């Protein structure tokens, strides 16, 4: 059973920092990751910095950066790098591992840099980016949400919408970027291999609109949604949200196939606002969090998606949206 009390609340820079504190009870279940994405004129990218079991109590600690680049009309670039150590700060967003990391300054602007090798060619895949928020942060899961019977998690959407500038270099080609992006942060104590997530997000800075959706499965399913429209922050959770999966597709990885939700409808009502949302996955790239046998690997699908729907207030306001964004599914 997954349950949470409360609604979305404002966050401060310290909330986006490193959160691990030893308790001597279930430290081996601790997971924390920071996710960044962005797009600019047909170029889309996703970056994940993951820390699992920080004290290596299971001998299966994972300190990893993972990167995906998608360009219209070209093949995808994907790469991961595993590290033996890291540096982090509990007072502001800062994480450093080998040649990759991120750091926030006193203005809240986050510099994100890194390097991996492309899985297909072995060529270097580097990035040097700056994220400047275009919308206030929100706690989409503000209190500890219980994940099944084993643990809990929090979800902070620190940049529901952001301006992203900088560059990405693939091989000997450098792409200059000046686009839009998104950044969130999850942490908690739960079995990473047993928890499933379905999520989607999109933002349109010109319309002062952003939407973040996540459904967590670790027993019974429950979904959370955070919306920004103009100066209003709107949230839906628990029984306010109903999800209907209408279409599934197959993906292949390591000579095996599995299915993922390719299209789904979400209806949500919090008494003041009503949301009708359709998510349609347009492209899906399978990435792997690798563990030695017999521990099961974790598969994360990094996706491009079209989010469209209507947001209506009880007072009669209506906003119709159709925005290309990002989505994902893990198993």
C-alpha atoms as a PDB file:
ATOM      1  CA  UNK A   1       0.000   0.000   0.000  1.00  0.00           C
ATOM      2  CA  UNK A   2       1.331   3.410  -0.899  1.00  0.00           C
ATOM      3  CA  UNK A   3      -0.085   6.380   0.946  1.00  0.00           C
ATOM      4  CA  UNK A   4       0.776  10.020   1.580  1.00  0.00           C
ATOM      5  CA  UNK A   5      -0.773  12.915   3.415  1.00  0.00           C
ATOM      6  CA  UNK A   6      -0.541  16.576   2.488  1.00  0.00           C
ATOM      7  CA  UNK A   7      -0.295  18.567  -0.716  1.00  0.00           C
ATOM      8  CA  UNK A   8       2.420  20.086  -2.834  1.00  0.00           C
ATOM      9  CA  UNK A   9       4.466  22.643  -0.911  1.00  0.00           C
ATOM     10  CA  UNK A  10       7.246  25.054  -1.773  1.00  0.00           C
ATOM     11  CA  UNK A  11      10.857  23.916  -1.566  1.00  0.00           C
ATOM     12  CA  UNK A  12      14.157  25.666  -0.905  1.00  0.00           C
ATOM     13  CA  UNK A  13      17.694  25.049  -2.274  1.00  0.00           C
ATOM     14  CA  UNK A  14      18.677  22.802   0.661  1.00  0.00           C
ATOM     15  CA  UNK A  15      15.826  20.442  -0.246  1.00  0.00           C
ATOM     16  CA  UNK A  16      17.615  19.706  -3.520  1.00  0.00           C
ATOM     17  CA  UNK A  17      20.828  18.693  -1.716  1.00  0.00           C
ATOM     18  CA  UNK A  18      22.098  15.259  -0.665  1.00  0.00           C
ATOM     19  CA  UNK A  19      19.809  13.717   1.986  1.00  0.00           C
ATOM     20  CA  UNK A  20      21.369  10.471   3.200  1.00  0.00           C
ATOM     21  CA  UNK A  21      21.752  10.115   6.983  1.00  0.00           C
ATOM     22  CA  UNK A  22      22.664   6.801   8.608  1.00  0.00           C
ATOM     23  CA  UNK A  23      20.050   5.203  10.848  1.00  0.00           C
ATOM     24  CA  UNK A  24      21.652   1.779  11.306  1.00  0.00           C
ATOM     25  CA  UNK A  25      18.409   0.002  10.407  1.00  0.00           C
ATOM     26  CA  UNK A  26      17.735   0.006   6.675  1.00  0.00           C
ATOM     27  CA  UNK A  27      20.617   2.042   5.233  1.00  0.00           C
ATOM     28  CA  UNK A  28      21.159  -0.597   2.547  1.00  0.00           C
ATOM     29  CA  UNK A  29      17.780   0.384   1.041  1.00  0.00           C
ATOM     30  CA  UNK A  30      18.689   4.036   0.547  1.00  0.00           C
ATOM     31  CA  UNK A  31      18.398   5.403  -3.009  1.00  0.00           C
ATOM     32  CA  UNK A  32      18.741   8.937  -4.311  1.00  0.00           C
ATOM     33  CA  UNK A  33      18.813  10.330  -7.811  1.00  0.00           C
ATOM     34  CA  UNK A  34      18.762  13.656  -9.627  1.00  0.00           C
ATOM     35  CA  UNK A  35      17.285  13.751 -13.137  1.00  0.00           C
ATOM     36  CA  UNK A  36      17.725  16.439 -15.813  1.00  0.00           C
ATOM     37  CA  UNK A  37      16.321  16.668 -19.325  1.00  0.00           C
ATOM     38  CA  UNK A  38      16.143  19.238 -22.078  1.00  0.00           C
ATOM     39  CA  UNK A  39      15.321  19.940 -25.686  1.00  0.00           C
ATOM     40  CA  UNK A  40      16.297  22.416 -28.356  1.00  0.00           C
ATOM     41  CA  UNK A  41      15.164  22.346 -31.979  1.00  0.00           C
ATOM     42  CA  UNK A  42      14.900  18.571 -32.419  1.00  0.00           C
ATOM     43  CA  UNK A  43      17.657  17.659 -29.953  1.00  0.00           C
ATOM     44  CA  UNK A  44      16.465  15.876 -26.779  1.00  0.00           C
ATOM     45  CA  UNK A  45      18.589  14.605 -23.914  1.00  0.00           C
ATOM     46  CA  UNK A  46      18.143  12.931 -20.506  1.00  0.00           C
ATOM     47  CA  UNK A  47      20.718  12.759 -17.689  1.00  0.00           C
ATOM     48  CA  UNK A  48      20.449  10.748 -14.460  1.00  0.00           C
ATOM     49  CA  UNK A  49      22.807  10.801 -11.469  1.00  0.00           C
ATOM     50  CA  UNK A  50      22.077   7.793  -9.234  1.00  0.00           C
ATOM     51  CA  UNK A  51      23.342   6.791  -5.789  1.00  0.00           C
ATOM     52  CA  UNK A  52      22.145   3.472  -4.338  1.00  0.00           C
ATOM     53  CA  UNK A  53      23.333   1.956  -1.019  1.00  0.00           C
ATOM     54  CA  UNK A  54      25.853   4.782  -0.264  1.00  0.00           C
ATOM     55  CA  UNK A  55      27.754   2.805   2.403  1.00  0.00           C
ATOM     56  CA  UNK A  56      27.943  -0.322   0.218  1.00  0.00           C
ATOM     57  CA  UNK A  57      26.357  -2.486   2.906  1.00  0.00           C
ATOM     58  CA  UNK A  58      25.178  -5.006   0.292  1.00  0.00           C
ATOM     59  CA  UNK A  59      28.430  -4.884  -1.737  1.00  0.00           C
ATOM     60  CA  UNK A  60      26.132  -3.808  -4.605  1.00  0.00           C
ATOM     61  CA  UNK A  61      26.503  -0.049  -4.255  1.00  0.00           C
ATOM     62  CA  UNK A  62      25.812   1.850  -7.446  1.00  0.00           C
ATOM     63  CA  UNK A  63      27.186   5.338  -8.145  1.00  0.00           C
ATOM     64  CA  UNK A  64      26.231   6.021 -11.732  1.00  0.00           C
ATOM     65  CA  UNK A  65      25.631   8.682 -14.336  1.00  0.00           C
ATOM     66  CA  UNK A  66      23.526   7.778 -17.347  1.00  0.00           C
ATOM     67  CA  UNK A  67      22.980   9.850 -20.489  1.00  0.00           C
ATOM     68  CA  UNK A  68      20.664   9.581 -23.506  1.00  0.00           C
ATOM     69  CA  UNK A  69      20.648  11.826 -26.583  1.00  0.00           C
ATOM     70  CA  UNK A  70      17.966  11.742 -29.270  1.00  0.00           C
ATOM     71  CA  UNK A  71      18.069  13.770 -32.474  1.00  0.00           C
ATOM     72  CA  UNK A  72      15.441  13.730 -35.179  1.00  0.00           C
ATOM     73  CA  UNK A  73      16.554  11.607 -38.111  1.00  0.00           C
ATOM     74  CA  UNK A  74      19.620  10.203 -36.335  1.00  0.00           C
ATOM     75  CA  UNK A  75      20.402   7.210 -34.164  1.00  0.00           C
ATOM     76  CA  UNK A  76      20.314   7.542 -30.387  1.00  0.00           C
ATOM     77  CA  UNK A  77      23.415   7.981 -28.219  1.00  0.00           C
ATOM     78  CA  UNK A  78      23.398   6.289 -24.819  1.00  0.00           C
ATOM     79  CA  UNK A  79      26.062   5.738 -22.214  1.00  0.00           C
ATOM     80  CA  UNK A  80      26.620   5.004 -18.521  1.00  0.00           C
ATOM     81  CA  UNK A  81      29.547   5.397 -16.175  1.00  0.00           C
ATOM     82  CA  UNK A  82      29.897   3.644 -12.806  1.00  0.00           C
ATOM     83  CA  UNK A  83      32.155   5.161 -10.170  1.00  0.00           C
ATOM     84  CA  UNK A  84      33.831   3.911  -7.006  1.00  0.00           C
ATOM     85  CA  UNK A  85      33.302   7.134  -5.065  1.00  0.00           C
ATOM     86  CA  UNK A  86      31.456  10.441  -4.932  1.00  0.00           C
ATOM     87  CA  UNK A  87      31.276  13.819  -3.240  1.00  0.00           C
ATOM     88  CA  UNK A  88      28.039  15.513  -2.151  1.00  0.00           C
ATOM     89  CA  UNK A  89      26.789  18.423  -0.058  1.00  0.00           C
ATOM     90  CA  UNK A  90      23.864  18.535   2.390  1.00  0.00           C
ATOM     91  CA  UNK A  91      23.405  22.302   2.201  1.00  0.00           C
ATOM     92  CA  UNK A  92      22.960  22.783  -1.553  1.00  0.00           C
ATOM     93  CA  UNK A  93      22.714  20.749  -4.738  1.00  0.00           C
ATOM     94  CA  UNK A  94      26.198  19.364  -5.413  1.00  0.00           C
ATOM     95  CA  UNK A  95      27.248  15.918  -6.570  1.00  0.00           C
ATOM     96  CA  UNK A  96      30.589  14.900  -8.050  1.00  0.00           C
ATOM     97  CA  UNK A  97      31.793  11.571  -9.412  1.00  0.00           C
ATOM     98  CA  UNK A  98      34.897  11.249 -11.584  1.00  0.00           C
ATOM     99  CA  UNK A  99      34.297  13.442 -14.687  1.00  0.00           C
ATOM    100  CA  UNK A 100      30.584  14.070 -14.046  1.00  0.00           C
ATOM    101  CA  UNK A 101      28.486  16.049 -11.613  1.00  0.00           C
ATOM    102  CA  UNK A 102      26.430  19.149 -10.929  1.00  0.00           C
ATOM    103  CA  UNK A 103      26.618  22.145  -8.640  1.00  0.00           C
ATOM    104  CA  UNK A 104      24.246  24.992  -7.737  1.00  0.00           C
ATOM    105  CA  UNK A 105      25.398  28.549  -7.121  1.00  0.00           C
ATOM    106  CA  UNK A 106      23.965  31.114  -4.682  1.00  0.00           C
ATOM    107  CA  UNK A 107      21.418  32.226  -7.306  1.00  0.00           C
ATOM    108  CA  UNK A 108      20.028  28.706  -7.664  1.00  0.00           C
ATOM    109  CA  UNK A 109      21.466  28.206 -11.155  1.00  0.00           C
ATOM    110  CA  UNK A 110      22.752  24.651 -11.622  1.00  0.00           C
ATOM    111  CA  UNK A 111      25.754  23.736 -13.773  1.00  0.00           C
ATOM    112  CA  UNK A 112      25.616  20.123 -15.010  1.00  0.00           C
ATOM    113  CA  UNK A 113      28.645  18.483 -16.621  1.00  0.00           C
ATOM    114  CA  UNK A 114      29.757  14.998 -17.476  1.00  0.00           C
ATOM    115  CA  UNK A 115      31.212  12.400 -19.773  1.00  0.00           C
ATOM    116  CA  UNK A 116      30.322   8.822 -20.718  1.00  0.00           C
ATOM    117  CA  UNK A 117      31.182   6.571 -23.647  1.00  0.00           C
ATOM    118  CA  UNK A 118      28.542   5.836 -26.239  1.00  0.00           C
ATOM    119  CA  UNK A 119      27.522   2.185 -25.898  1.00  0.00           C
ATOM    120  CA  UNK A 120      27.398   1.573 -29.655  1.00  0.00           C
ATOM    121  CA  UNK A 121      30.650   3.217 -30.781  1.00  0.00           C
ATOM    122  CA  UNK A 122      32.760   3.829 -27.681  1.00  0.00           C
ATOM    123  CA  UNK A 123      33.102   7.483 -28.661  1.00  0.00           C
ATOM    124  CA  UNK A 124      33.003  10.147 -25.926  1.00  0.00           C
ATOM    125  CA  UNK A 125      29.673  11.762 -25.103  1.00  0.00           C
ATOM    126  CA  UNK A 126      30.141  14.959 -23.078  1.00  0.00           C
ATOM    127  CA  UNK A 127      27.918  17.741 -21.792  1.00  0.00           C
ATOM    128  CA  UNK A 128      28.346  21.124 -20.108  1.00  0.00           C
ATOM    129  CA  UNK A 129      24.982  22.714 -19.333  1.00  0.00           C
ATOM    130  CA  UNK A 130      23.413  25.440 -17.228  1.00  0.00           C
ATOM    131  CA  UNK A 131      19.887  25.175 -15.771  1.00  0.00           C
ATOM    132  CA  UNK A 132      18.047  28.344 -14.758  1.00  0.00           C
ATOM    133  CA  UNK A 133      14.586  27.831 -13.295  1.00  0.00           C
ATOM    134  CA  UNK A 134      11.541  29.270 -15.063  1.00  0.00           C
ATOM    135  CA  UNK A 135       8.988  28.055 -12.475  1.00  0.00           C
ATOM    136  CA  UNK A 136       8.899  27.675  -8.700  1.00  0.00           C
ATOM    137  CA  UNK A 137       9.884  24.276  -7.264  1.00  0.00           C
ATOM    138  CA  UNK A 138       7.261  22.016  -5.733  1.00  0.00           C
ATOM    139  CA  UNK A 139       7.132  18.900  -3.613  1.00  0.00           C
ATOM    140  CA  UNK A 140       4.975  16.569  -5.680  1.00  0.00           C
ATOM    141  CA  UNK A 141       5.311  14.093  -2.789  1.00  0.00           C
ATOM    142  CA  UNK A 142       5.839  16.368   0.220  1.00  0.00           C
ATOM    143  CA  UNK A 143       5.812  13.820   3.031  1.00  0.00           C
ATOM    144  CA  UNK A 144       7.196  10.305   3.156  1.00  0.00           C
ATOM    145  CA  UNK A 145       5.158   8.234   0.737  1.00  0.00           C
ATOM    146  CA  UNK A 146       5.073   4.603   1.791  1.00  0.00           C
ATOM    147  CA  UNK A 147       6.291   2.317  -0.996  1.00  0.00           C
ATOM    148  CA  UNK A 148       4.764  -1.110  -0.451  1.00  0.00           C
ATOM    149  CA  UNK A 149       5.666  -2.472   3.020  1.00  0.00           C
ATOM    150  CA  UNK A 150       9.421  -1.934   2.783  1.00  0.00           C
ATOM    151  CA  UNK A 151      10.106   1.765   2.663  1.00  0.00           C
ATOM    152  CA  UNK A 152       9.304   5.318   1.640  1.00  0.00           C
ATOM    153  CA  UNK A 153      10.258   8.010  -0.843  1.00  0.00           C
ATOM    154  CA  UNK A 154       9.964  11.730  -1.574  1.00  0.00           C
ATOM    155  CA  UNK A 155       9.724  13.450  -4.957  1.00  0.00           C
ATOM    156  CA  UNK A 156      10.845  17.041  -5.443  1.00  0.00           C
ATOM    157  CA  UNK A 157      10.234  18.729  -8.792  1.00  0.00           C
ATOM    158  CA  UNK A 158      12.905  21.356  -8.317  1.00  0.00           C
ATOM    159  CA  UNK A 159      12.678  22.868 -11.797  1.00  0.00           C
ATOM    160  CA  UNK A 160       9.285  22.129 -13.391  1.00  0.00           C
ATOM    161  CA  UNK A 161      10.454  24.359 -16.241  1.00  0.00           C
ATOM    162  CA  UNK A 162      13.936  25.680 -16.936  1.00  0.00           C
ATOM    163  CA  UNK A 163      16.017  27.525 -19.479  1.00  0.00           C
ATOM    164  CA  UNK A 164      18.922  25.299 -20.540  1.00  0.00           C
ATOM    165  CA  UNK A 165      22.054  26.591 -22.249  1.00  0.00           C
ATOM    166  CA  UNK A 166      25.442  25.088 -22.982  1.00  0.00           C
ATOM    167  CA  UNK A 167      26.754  22.345 -25.216  1.00  0.00           C
ATOM    168  CA  UNK A 168      26.762  18.606 -25.865  1.00  0.00           C
ATOM    169  CA  UNK A 169      29.673  16.955 -27.671  1.00  0.00           C
ATOM    170  CA  UNK A 170      29.279  13.578 -29.375  1.00  0.00           C
ATOM    171  CA  UNK A 171      32.457  12.254 -30.917  1.00  0.00           C
ATOM    172  CA  UNK A 172      34.049  15.257 -32.613  1.00  0.00           C
ATOM    173  CA  UNK A 173      30.782  17.169 -33.114  1.00  0.00           C
ATOM    174  CA  UNK A 174      29.581  19.834 -30.663  1.00  0.00           C
ATOM    175  CA  UNK A 175      25.959  20.988 -30.415  1.00  0.00           C
ATOM    176  CA  UNK A 176      25.223  24.418 -28.961  1.00  0.00           C
ATOM    177  CA  UNK A 177      22.022  24.432 -26.909  1.00  0.00           C
ATOM    178  CA  UNK A 178      19.602  27.197 -25.931  1.00  0.00           C
ATOM    179  CA  UNK A 179      16.356  25.483 -25.048  1.00  0.00           C
ATOM    180  CA  UNK A 180      14.015  24.346 -22.304  1.00  0.00           C
ATOM    181  CA  UNK A 181      14.405  21.685 -19.643  1.00  0.00           C
ATOM    182  CA  UNK A 182      13.243  20.031 -16.443  1.00  0.00           C
ATOM    183  CA  UNK A 183      14.914  18.789 -13.251  1.00  0.00           C
ATOM    184  CA  UNK A 184      13.616  16.609 -10.409  1.00  0.00           C
ATOM    185  CA  UNK A 185      15.036  14.746  -7.416  1.00  0.00           C
ATOM    186  CA  UNK A 186      13.920  11.549  -5.666  1.00  0.00           C
ATOM    187  CA  UNK A 187      15.227   9.975  -2.468  1.00  0.00           C
ATOM    188  CA  UNK A 188      14.111   7.405   0.080  1.00  0.00           C
ATOM    189  CA  UNK A 189      14.507   3.915   1.459  1.00  0.00           C
ATOM    190  CA  UNK A 190      12.960   1.208  -0.694  1.00  0.00           C
ATOM    191  CA  UNK A 191      14.065  -1.863  -2.698  1.00  0.00           C
ATOM    192  CA  UNK A 192      15.085  -0.282  -5.990  1.00  0.00           C
ATOM    193  CA  UNK A 193      14.726  -3.535  -7.944  1.00  0.00           C
ATOM    194  CA  UNK A 194      11.138  -4.094  -6.742  1.00  0.00           C
ATOM    195  CA  UNK A 195       9.691  -0.626  -7.377  1.00  0.00           C
ATOM    196  CA  UNK A 196       8.089   0.437 -10.654  1.00  0.00           C
ATOM    197  CA  UNK A 197       7.563   3.973 -11.855  1.00  0.00           C
ATOM    198  CA  UNK A 198       5.567   5.403 -14.731  1.00  0.00           C
ATOM    199  CA  UNK A 199       6.098   9.114 -15.210  1.00  0.00           C
ATOM    200  CA  UNK A 200       5.668  11.968 -17.675  1.00  0.00           C
ATOM    201  CA  UNK A 201       6.402  15.682 -17.765  1.00  0.00           C
ATOM    202  CA  UNK A 202       6.076  18.603 -20.150  1.00  0.00           C
ATOM    203  CA  UNK A 203       6.479  22.341 -19.907  1.00  0.00           C
ATOM    204  CA  UNK A 204       5.748  25.362 -22.069  1.00  0.00           C
ATOM    205  CA  UNK A 205       7.480  28.480 -20.726  1.00  0.00           C
ATOM    206  CA  UNK A 206       5.662  30.770 -23.181  1.00  0.00           C
ATOM    207  CA  UNK A 207       2.342  29.640 -21.683  1.00  0.00           C
ATOM    208  CA  UNK A 208       3.661  29.600 -18.077  1.00  0.00           C
ATOM    209  CA  UNK A 209       2.623  25.948 -17.938  1.00  0.00           C
ATOM    210  CA  UNK A 210       4.253  22.780 -16.625  1.00  0.00           C
ATOM    211  CA  UNK A 211       2.948  19.353 -15.644  1.00  0.00           C
ATOM    212  CA  UNK A 212       4.675  16.504 -13.782  1.00  0.00           C
ATOM    213  CA  UNK A 213       3.058  13.073 -13.344  1.00  0.00           C
ATOM    214  CA  UNK A 214       4.318   9.959 -11.553  1.00  0.00           C
ATOM    215  CA  UNK A 215       2.674   6.671 -10.654  1.00  0.00           C
ATOM    216  CA  UNK A 216       4.454   4.402  -8.180  1.00  0.00           C
ATOM    217  CA  UNK A 217       3.898   0.653  -8.041  1.00  0.00           C
ATOM    218  CA  UNK A 218       5.311  -1.386  -5.211  1.00  0.00           C
ATOM    219  CA  UNK A 219       2.089  -3.069  -4.204  1.00  0.00           C
ATOM    220  CA  UNK A 220      -1.016  -1.010  -4.853  1.00  0.00           C
ATOM    221  CA  UNK A 221      -0.584   1.818  -7.364  1.00  0.00           C
ATOM    222  CA  UNK A 222      -0.953   5.471  -6.544  1.00  0.00           C
ATOM    223  CA  UNK A 223      -0.310   8.557  -8.658  1.00  0.00           C
ATOM    224  CA  UNK A 224       0.794  12.147  -8.047  1.00  0.00           C
ATOM    225  CA  UNK A 225       0.524  15.206 -10.294  1.00  0.00           C
ATOM    226  CA  UNK A 226       1.942  18.708  -9.951  1.00  0.00           C
ATOM    227  CA  UNK A 227       0.830  21.491 -12.307  1.00  0.00           C
ATOM    228  CA  UNK A 228       1.965  25.092 -12.693  1.00  0.00           C
ATOM    229  CA  UNK A 229      -0.282  27.447 -14.671  1.00  0.00           C
ATOM    230  CA  UNK A 230       0.530  31.143 -14.596  1.00  0.00           C
ATOM    231  CA  UNK A 231       1.028  31.928 -10.894  1.00  0.00           C
ATOM    232  CA  UNK A 232      -1.006  28.995  -9.565  1.00  0.00           C
ATOM    233  CA  UNK A 233       0.362  25.708  -8.276  1.00  0.00           C
ATOM    234  CA  UNK A 234      -2.085  22.789  -8.492  1.00  0.00           C
ATOM    235  CA  UNK A 235      -1.633  19.272  -7.168  1.00  0.00           C
ATOM    236  CA  UNK A 236      -3.530  15.984  -7.300  1.00  0.00           C
ATOM    237  CA  UNK A 237      -2.781  12.757  -5.443  1.00  0.00           C
ATOM    238  CA  UNK A 238      -4.191   9.486  -4.165  1.00  0.00           C
ATOM    239  CA  UNK A 239      -7.872   8.928  -4.863  1.00  0.00           C
ATOM    240  CA  UNK A 240      -8.048  12.238  -6.719  1.00  0.00           C
ATOM    241  CA  UNK A 241      -6.222  10.553  -9.626  1.00  0.00           C
ATOM    242  CA  UNK A 242      -7.485   7.773 -11.898  1.00  0.00           C
ATOM    243  CA  UNK A 243      -5.223   6.210 -14.560  1.00  0.00           C
ATOM    244  CA  UNK A 244      -6.336   4.045 -17.475  1.00  0.00           C
ATOM    245  CA  UNK A 245      -3.667   2.314 -19.584  1.00  0.00           C
ATOM    246  CA  UNK A 246      -5.022   1.907 -23.104  1.00  0.00           C
ATOM    247  CA  UNK A 247      -2.083   0.726 -25.205  1.00  0.00           C
ATOM    248  CA  UNK A 248       1.112  -1.256 -24.655  1.00  0.00           C
ATOM    249  CA  UNK A 249       4.208  -1.738 -26.817  1.00  0.00           C
ATOM    250  CA  UNK A 250       7.171  -4.109 -26.747  1.00  0.00           C
ATOM    251  CA  UNK A 251      10.815  -3.307 -26.172  1.00  0.00           C
ATOM    252  CA  UNK A 252      13.822  -5.558 -26.511  1.00  0.00           C
ATOM    253  CA  UNK A 253      16.985  -5.705 -24.426  1.00  0.00           C
ATOM    254  CA  UNK A 254      19.680  -8.386 -24.247  1.00  0.00           C
ATOM    255  CA  UNK A 255      17.727 -10.851 -26.413  1.00  0.00           C
ATOM    256  CA  UNK A 256      14.615 -10.523 -24.238  1.00  0.00           C
ATOM    257  CA  UNK A 257      11.366  -8.629 -24.772  1.00  0.00           C
ATOM    258  CA  UNK A 258       8.919  -6.991 -22.388  1.00  0.00           C
ATOM    259  CA  UNK A 259       6.058  -4.516 -22.586  1.00  0.00           C
ATOM    260  CA  UNK A 260       5.554  -0.956 -21.389  1.00  0.00           C
ATOM    261  CA  UNK A 261       2.575   1.465 -21.275  1.00  0.00           C
ATOM    262  CA  UNK A 262       2.625   3.317 -24.606  1.00  0.00           C
ATOM    263  CA  UNK A 263      -0.573   5.332 -24.175  1.00  0.00           C
ATOM    264  CA  UNK A 264      -2.626   6.159 -21.104  1.00  0.00           C
ATOM    265  CA  UNK A 265      -5.322   8.518 -19.911  1.00  0.00           C
ATOM    266  CA  UNK A 266      -5.299  10.309 -16.576  1.00  0.00           C
ATOM    267  CA  UNK A 267      -8.296  11.978 -14.952  1.00  0.00           C
ATOM    268  CA  UNK A 268      -7.807  13.967 -11.758  1.00  0.00           C
ATOM    269  CA  UNK A 269     -10.063  16.137  -9.596  1.00  0.00           C
ATOM    270  CA  UNK A 270      -9.048  17.884  -6.365  1.00  0.00           C
ATOM    271  CA  UNK A 271     -12.351  19.671  -5.792  1.00  0.00           C
ATOM    272  CA  UNK A 272     -11.116  22.956  -7.251  1.00  0.00           C
ATOM    273  CA  UNK A 273      -9.481  21.828 -10.470  1.00  0.00           C
ATOM    274  CA  UNK A 274     -10.107  18.967 -12.892  1.00  0.00           C
ATOM    275  CA  UNK A 275      -7.436  17.581 -15.223  1.00  0.00           C
ATOM    276  CA  UNK A 276      -7.883  15.384 -18.287  1.00  0.00           C
ATOM    277  CA  UNK A 277      -4.553  14.163 -19.635  1.00  0.00           C
ATOM    278  CA  UNK A 278      -3.470  11.782 -22.380  1.00  0.00           C
ATOM    279  CA  UNK A 279       0.150  10.619 -22.611  1.00  0.00           C
ATOM    280  CA  UNK A 280       1.299   9.066 -25.899  1.00  0.00           C
ATOM    281  CA  UNK A 281       4.848   7.697 -26.027  1.00  0.00           C
ATOM    282  CA  UNK A 282       6.549   8.563 -29.325  1.00  0.00           C
ATOM    283  CA  UNK A 283      10.038   7.114 -28.850  1.00  0.00           C
ATOM    284  CA  UNK A 284      11.495   4.780 -26.229  1.00  0.00           C
ATOM    285  CA  UNK A 285      15.109   3.893 -25.382  1.00  0.00           C
ATOM    286  CA  UNK A 286      15.855   1.068 -22.934  1.00  0.00           C
ATOM    287  CA  UNK A 287      18.681   1.710 -20.457  1.00  0.00           C
ATOM    288  CA  UNK A 288      20.071  -0.697 -17.875  1.00  0.00           C
ATOM    289  CA  UNK A 289      21.214  -0.474 -14.274  1.00  0.00           C
ATOM    290  CA  UNK A 290      23.553  -3.442 -14.267  1.00  0.00           C
ATOM    291  CA  UNK A 291      24.036  -5.823 -11.299  1.00  0.00           C
ATOM    292  CA  UNK A 292      26.074  -9.035 -11.017  1.00  0.00           C
ATOM    293  CA  UNK A 293      24.166 -12.322 -11.144  1.00  0.00           C
ATOM    294  CA  UNK A 294      21.932 -13.412  -9.416  1.00  0.00           C
ATOM    295  CA  UNK A 295      20.664  -9.882  -8.619  1.00  0.00           C
ATOM    296  CA  UNK A 296      18.174  -8.742 -11.232  1.00  0.00           C
ATOM    297  CA  UNK A 297      19.093  -5.782 -13.419  1.00  0.00           C
ATOM    298  CA  UNK A 298      16.841  -2.735 -13.456  1.00  0.00           C
ATOM    299  CA  UNK A 299      15.494  -1.473 -16.777  1.00  0.00           C
ATOM    300  CA  UNK A 300      14.561   2.169 -17.248  1.00  0.00           C
ATOM    301  CA  UNK A 301      12.896   3.347 -20.437  1.00  0.00           C
ATOM    302  CA  UNK A 302      13.769   6.927 -21.395  1.00  0.00           C
ATOM    303  CA  UNK A 303      11.061   8.306 -23.653  1.00  0.00           C
ATOM    304  CA  UNK A 304       9.740  11.191 -25.697  1.00  0.00           C
ATOM    305  CA  UNK A 305       5.989  11.678 -25.403  1.00  0.00           C
ATOM    306  CA  UNK A 306       3.123  13.929 -26.394  1.00  0.00           C
ATOM    307  CA  UNK A 307       1.090  15.228 -23.446  1.00  0.00           C
ATOM    308  CA  UNK A 308      -2.266  16.749 -24.273  1.00  0.00           C
ATOM    309  CA  UNK A 309      -5.437  17.523 -22.378  1.00  0.00           C
ATOM    310  CA  UNK A 310      -7.509  20.097 -20.574  1.00  0.00           C
ATOM    311  CA  UNK A 311      -7.212  21.781 -17.186  1.00  0.00           C
ATOM    312  CA  UNK A 312     -10.515  23.205 -15.872  1.00  0.00           C
ATOM    313  CA  UNK A 313     -11.320  25.110 -12.714  1.00  0.00           C
ATOM    314  CA  UNK A 314     -14.633  24.902 -10.877  1.00  0.00           C
ATOM    315  CA  UNK A 315     -15.011  28.636 -11.501  1.00  0.00           C
ATOM    316  CA  UNK A 316     -15.045  28.096 -15.278  1.00  0.00           C
ATOM    317  CA  UNK A 317     -11.433  28.724 -16.335  1.00  0.00           C
ATOM    318  CA  UNK A 318     -10.160  26.337 -19.012  1.00  0.00           C
ATOM    319  CA  UNK A 319      -6.722  25.723 -20.464  1.00  0.00           C
ATOM    320  CA  UNK A 320      -6.179  23.298 -23.380  1.00  0.00           C
ATOM    321  CA  UNK A 321      -2.622  22.058 -23.897  1.00  0.00           C
ATOM    322  CA  UNK A 322      -0.659  19.918 -26.338  1.00  0.00           C
ATOM    323  CA  UNK A 323       3.031  19.794 -25.475  1.00  0.00           C
ATOM    324  CA  UNK A 324       5.807  17.431 -26.461  1.00  0.00           C
ATOM    325  CA  UNK A 325       7.629  16.281 -23.360  1.00  0.00           C
ATOM    326  CA  UNK A 326       9.412  13.371 -21.738  1.00  0.00           C
ATOM    327  CA  UNK A 327       8.222  10.190 -20.067  1.00  0.00           C
ATOM    328  CA  UNK A 328       9.593   7.000 -18.604  1.00  0.00           C
ATOM    329  CA  UNK A 329       8.878   3.548 -17.277  1.00  0.00           C
ATOM    330  CA  UNK A 330      10.999   1.363 -15.008  1.00  0.00           C
ATOM    331  CA  UNK A 331      10.790  -2.310 -14.105  1.00  0.00           C
END
